[in-house]
Amino acid sequence: MRSRQSPPTPRFSRLELRIMEVVWDRGPASIRQIQEALAGHSAYTTIQTTVYRLETKHALTRVDKIGNAHIFAPAVARHAAHRRLMDEWLGVFGGRAQPVMAHWIESGQLTLEDLQQAEAELRARTGPKEVQEEKEPV
């Protein structure tokens, strides 16, 4: 018996990710609604082509048709897309989060509160003993 696995989360270009953010935030939308939500930064035909590319990648799916307008909804969860993006980004640094975190701290994008929340999450996942052992010098 074979288990059905969901297809892997596709890679997104910057524009594709911006379009996905629109449909994740708004819910199902037409190409025109997506273009308007992007404040007209791209031509209608550019958005249309990109939406169709996202449909081919199985990231968007047609859920309705109103008049001549197709309505598209996300077929990929935001969390899954963000996870893949972060995994790829960490891959640039050999899978190590420390250089990324150091940069974010230096640039003011990561606060002590952020680190405390991350530590709480790490403790919840691994247990307090393992986190403490990692902090102690060998």
C-alpha atoms as a PDB file:
ATOM      1  CA  MET A   1       0.000   0.000   0.000  1.00  0.00           C
ATOM      2  CA  ARG A   2       1.403   3.350  -1.036  1.00  0.00           C
ATOM      3  CA  SER A   3       0.952   6.483   1.053  1.00  0.00           C
ATOM      4  CA  ARG A   4      -0.066   9.666  -0.730  1.00  0.00           C
ATOM      5  CA  GLN A   5       2.353  12.451  -0.129  1.00  0.00           C
ATOM      6  CA  SER A   6       1.560  16.032  -0.923  1.00  0.00           C
ATOM      7  CA  PRO A   7       3.719  17.510  -3.668  1.00  0.00           C
ATOM      8  CA  PRO A   8       6.756  19.440  -2.475  1.00  0.00           C
ATOM      9  CA  THR A   9       6.305  23.139  -1.854  1.00  0.00           C
ATOM     10  CA  PRO A  10       7.413  24.968  -5.003  1.00  0.00           C
ATOM     11  CA  ARG A  11      10.091  27.637  -5.132  1.00  0.00           C
ATOM     12  CA  PHE A  12       8.760  31.150  -5.616  1.00  0.00           C
ATOM     13  CA  SER A  13      10.214  34.172  -7.357  1.00  0.00           C
ATOM     14  CA  ARG A  14       9.787  37.526  -5.588  1.00  0.00           C
ATOM     15  CA  LEU A  15       6.703  38.401  -7.638  1.00  0.00           C
ATOM     16  CA  GLU A  16       5.236  34.939  -7.138  1.00  0.00           C
ATOM     17  CA  LEU A  17       5.715  35.276  -3.387  1.00  0.00           C
ATOM     18  CA  ARG A  18       4.072  38.721  -3.399  1.00  0.00           C
ATOM     19  CA  ILE A  19       1.086  37.278  -5.283  1.00  0.00           C
ATOM     20  CA  MET A  20       0.869  34.374  -2.845  1.00  0.00           C
ATOM     21  CA  GLU A  21       0.918  36.836   0.081  1.00  0.00           C
ATOM     22  CA  VAL A  22      -2.096  38.585  -1.465  1.00  0.00           C
ATOM     23  CA  VAL A  23      -4.163  35.407  -1.728  1.00  0.00           C
ATOM     24  CA  TRP A  24      -3.044  34.205   1.703  1.00  0.00           C
ATOM     25  CA  ASP A  25      -4.137  37.535   3.216  1.00  0.00           C
ATOM     26  CA  ARG A  26      -7.291  38.186   1.173  1.00  0.00           C
ATOM     27  CA  GLY A  27      -8.439  34.705   0.306  1.00  0.00           C
ATOM     28  CA  PRO A  28      -9.642  33.771  -3.182  1.00  0.00           C
ATOM     29  CA  ALA A  29      -9.115  36.565  -5.705  1.00  0.00           C
ATOM     30  CA  SER A  30      -9.204  37.331  -9.410  1.00  0.00           C
ATOM     31  CA  ILE A  31      -6.155  38.445 -11.357  1.00  0.00           C
ATOM     32  CA  ARG A  32      -7.500  42.017 -11.364  1.00  0.00           C
ATOM     33  CA  GLN A  33      -7.979  41.948  -7.570  1.00  0.00           C
ATOM     34  CA  ILE A  34      -4.443  40.640  -7.117  1.00  0.00           C
ATOM     35  CA  GLN A  35      -3.045  43.364  -9.365  1.00  0.00           C
ATOM     36  CA  GLU A  36      -4.965  46.058  -7.482  1.00  0.00           C
ATOM     37  CA  ALA A  37      -3.763  44.677  -4.137  1.00  0.00           C
ATOM     38  CA  LEU A  38      -0.204  45.009  -5.411  1.00  0.00           C
ATOM     39  CA  ALA A  39      -0.932  48.708  -5.998  1.00  0.00           C
ATOM     40  CA  GLY A  40      -0.366  48.473  -9.741  1.00  0.00           C
ATOM     41  CA  HIS A  41       3.377  47.781  -9.457  1.00  0.00           C
ATOM     42  CA  SER A  42       3.109  45.313 -12.348  1.00  0.00           C
ATOM     43  CA  ALA A  43       1.090  45.252 -15.544  1.00  0.00           C
ATOM     44  CA  TYR A  44      -2.073  43.151 -15.636  1.00  0.00           C
ATOM     45  CA  THR A  45      -0.536  40.780 -18.189  1.00  0.00           C
ATOM     46  CA  THR A  46       2.546  40.277 -15.988  1.00  0.00           C
ATOM     47  CA  ILE A  47       0.335  39.346 -13.022  1.00  0.00           C
ATOM     48  CA  GLN A  48      -1.788  37.120 -15.281  1.00  0.00           C
ATOM     49  CA  THR A  49       1.242  35.234 -16.600  1.00  0.00           C
ATOM     50  CA  THR A  50       2.641  34.835 -13.100  1.00  0.00           C
ATOM     51  CA  VAL A  51      -0.693  33.610 -11.701  1.00  0.00           C
ATOM     52  CA  TYR A  52      -0.897  31.011 -14.475  1.00  0.00           C
ATOM     53  CA  ARG A  53       2.682  29.960 -13.680  1.00  0.00           C
ATOM     54  CA  LEU A  54       1.680  29.568 -10.010  1.00  0.00           C
ATOM     55  CA  GLU A  55      -1.269  27.462 -11.132  1.00  0.00           C
ATOM     56  CA  THR A  56       1.097  25.226 -13.139  1.00  0.00           C
ATOM     57  CA  LYS A  57       3.284  24.883 -10.033  1.00  0.00           C
ATOM     58  CA  HIS A  58       0.167  23.809  -8.081  1.00  0.00           C
ATOM     59  CA  ALA A  59       0.558  26.783  -5.732  1.00  0.00           C
ATOM     60  CA  LEU A  60      -2.750  28.366  -6.836  1.00  0.00           C
ATOM     61  CA  THR A  61      -5.935  26.687  -7.931  1.00  0.00           C
ATOM     62  CA  ARG A  62      -8.992  27.981  -9.792  1.00  0.00           C
ATOM     63  CA  VAL A  63     -11.959  27.798  -7.450  1.00  0.00           C
ATOM     64  CA  ASP A  64     -14.622  29.811  -9.273  1.00  0.00           C
ATOM     65  CA  LYS A  65     -15.429  31.831 -12.355  1.00  0.00           C
ATOM     66  CA  ILE A  66     -17.388  35.056 -12.182  1.00  0.00           C
ATOM     67  CA  GLY A  67     -18.200  36.331 -15.664  1.00  0.00           C
ATOM     68  CA  ASN A  68     -14.914  36.041 -17.528  1.00  0.00           C
ATOM     69  CA  ALA A  69     -12.784  36.270 -14.387  1.00  0.00           C
ATOM     70  CA  HIS A  70     -11.299  33.168 -12.837  1.00  0.00           C
ATOM     71  CA  ILE A  71     -10.956  33.197  -9.050  1.00  0.00           C
ATOM     72  CA  PHE A  72      -7.764  31.718  -7.609  1.00  0.00           C
ATOM     73  CA  ALA A  73      -7.118  30.387  -4.115  1.00  0.00           C
ATOM     74  CA  PRO A  74      -3.898  29.210  -2.489  1.00  0.00           C
ATOM     75  CA  ALA A  75      -3.138  25.511  -2.783  1.00  0.00           C
ATOM     76  CA  VAL A  76       0.016  25.833  -0.677  1.00  0.00           C
ATOM     77  CA  ALA A  77       0.018  26.883   2.975  1.00  0.00           C
ATOM     78  CA  ARG A  78       1.878  30.070   3.873  1.00  0.00           C
ATOM     79  CA  HIS A  79       3.733  28.218   6.630  1.00  0.00           C
ATOM     80  CA  ALA A  80       5.037  25.591   4.186  1.00  0.00           C
ATOM     81  CA  ALA A  81       6.219  28.234   1.723  1.00  0.00           C
ATOM     82  CA  HIS A  82       7.935  30.273   4.432  1.00  0.00           C
ATOM     83  CA  ARG A  83       9.569  27.142   5.842  1.00  0.00           C
ATOM     84  CA  ARG A  84      11.022  26.249   2.438  1.00  0.00           C
ATOM     85  CA  LEU A  85      12.255  29.812   1.909  1.00  0.00           C
ATOM     86  CA  MET A  86      13.950  29.879   5.323  1.00  0.00           C
ATOM     87  CA  ASP A  87      15.516  26.443   4.764  1.00  0.00           C
ATOM     88  CA  GLU A  88      16.951  27.637   1.452  1.00  0.00           C
ATOM     89  CA  TRP A  89      18.215  30.854   3.054  1.00  0.00           C
ATOM     90  CA  LEU A  90      19.918  28.942   5.873  1.00  0.00           C
ATOM     91  CA  GLY A  91      21.453  26.663   3.241  1.00  0.00           C
ATOM     92  CA  VAL A  92      23.396  29.676   1.972  1.00  0.00           C
ATOM     93  CA  PHE A  93      25.072  29.755   5.405  1.00  0.00           C
ATOM     94  CA  GLY A  94      25.753  26.035   5.541  1.00  0.00           C
ATOM     95  CA  GLY A  95      22.589  25.399   7.538  1.00  0.00           C
ATOM     96  CA  ARG A  96      23.805  27.519  10.461  1.00  0.00           C
ATOM     97  CA  ALA A  97      21.408  30.069  11.915  1.00  0.00           C
ATOM     98  CA  GLN A  98      24.044  31.901  13.993  1.00  0.00           C
ATOM     99  CA  PRO A  99      25.455  34.108  11.178  1.00  0.00           C
ATOM    100  CA  VAL A 100      21.942  35.080  10.131  1.00  0.00           C
ATOM    101  CA  MET A 101      20.908  35.849  13.694  1.00  0.00           C
ATOM    102  CA  ALA A 102      24.100  37.849  14.297  1.00  0.00           C
ATOM    103  CA  HIS A 103      23.324  39.997  11.259  1.00  0.00           C
ATOM    104  CA  TRP A 104      19.728  40.523  12.391  1.00  0.00           C
ATOM    105  CA  ILE A 105      20.932  41.538  15.867  1.00  0.00           C
ATOM    106  CA  GLU A 106      23.475  44.002  14.430  1.00  0.00           C
ATOM    107  CA  SER A 107      20.862  45.519  12.109  1.00  0.00           C
ATOM    108  CA  GLY A 108      18.299  45.842  14.916  1.00  0.00           C
ATOM    109  CA  GLN A 109      15.868  43.399  13.293  1.00  0.00           C
ATOM    110  CA  LEU A 110      16.148  40.832  16.082  1.00  0.00           C
ATOM    111  CA  THR A 111      15.399  41.899  19.638  1.00  0.00           C
ATOM    112  CA  LEU A 112      16.015  40.364  23.039  1.00  0.00           C
ATOM    113  CA  GLU A 113      12.287  39.609  23.170  1.00  0.00           C
ATOM    114  CA  ASP A 114      12.571  37.720  19.840  1.00  0.00           C
ATOM    115  CA  LEU A 115      15.451  35.668  21.263  1.00  0.00           C
ATOM    116  CA  GLN A 116      13.533  34.933  24.465  1.00  0.00           C
ATOM    117  CA  GLN A 117      10.553  33.726  22.430  1.00  0.00           C
ATOM    118  CA  ALA A 118      12.854  31.575  20.294  1.00  0.00           C
ATOM    119  CA  GLU A 119      14.444  30.114  23.428  1.00  0.00           C
ATOM    120  CA  ALA A 120      10.992  29.331  24.864  1.00  0.00           C
ATOM    121  CA  GLU A 121      10.064  27.582  21.612  1.00  0.00           C
ATOM    122  CA  LEU A 122      13.321  25.638  21.647  1.00  0.00           C
ATOM    123  CA  ARG A 123      12.735  24.600  25.261  1.00  0.00           C
ATOM    124  CA  ALA A 124       9.210  23.457  24.415  1.00  0.00           C
ATOM    125  CA  ARG A 125      10.527  21.323  21.540  1.00  0.00           C
ATOM    126  CA  THR A 126      13.677  19.868  23.101  1.00  0.00           C
ATOM    127  CA  GLY A 127      13.239  20.172  26.849  1.00  0.00           C
ATOM    128  CA  PRO A 128      14.975  22.575  29.235  1.00  0.00           C
ATOM    129  CA  LYS A 129      17.875  20.211  30.042  1.00  0.00           C
ATOM    130  CA  GLU A 130      19.072  20.021  26.404  1.00  0.00           C
ATOM    131  CA  VAL A 131      18.932  23.815  25.975  1.00  0.00           C
ATOM    132  CA  GLN A 132      20.942  24.316  29.189  1.00  0.00           C
ATOM    133  CA  GLU A 133      23.571  21.782  28.069  1.00  0.00           C
ATOM    134  CA  GLU A 134      24.021  23.658  24.781  1.00  0.00           C
ATOM    135  CA  LYS A 135      24.655  26.941  26.648  1.00  0.00           C
ATOM    136  CA  GLU A 136      27.341  25.561  28.957  1.00  0.00           C
ATOM    137  CA  PRO A 137      30.895  25.700  27.575  1.00  0.00           C
ATOM    138  CA  VAL A 138      32.646  22.382  27.175  1.00  0.00           C
END
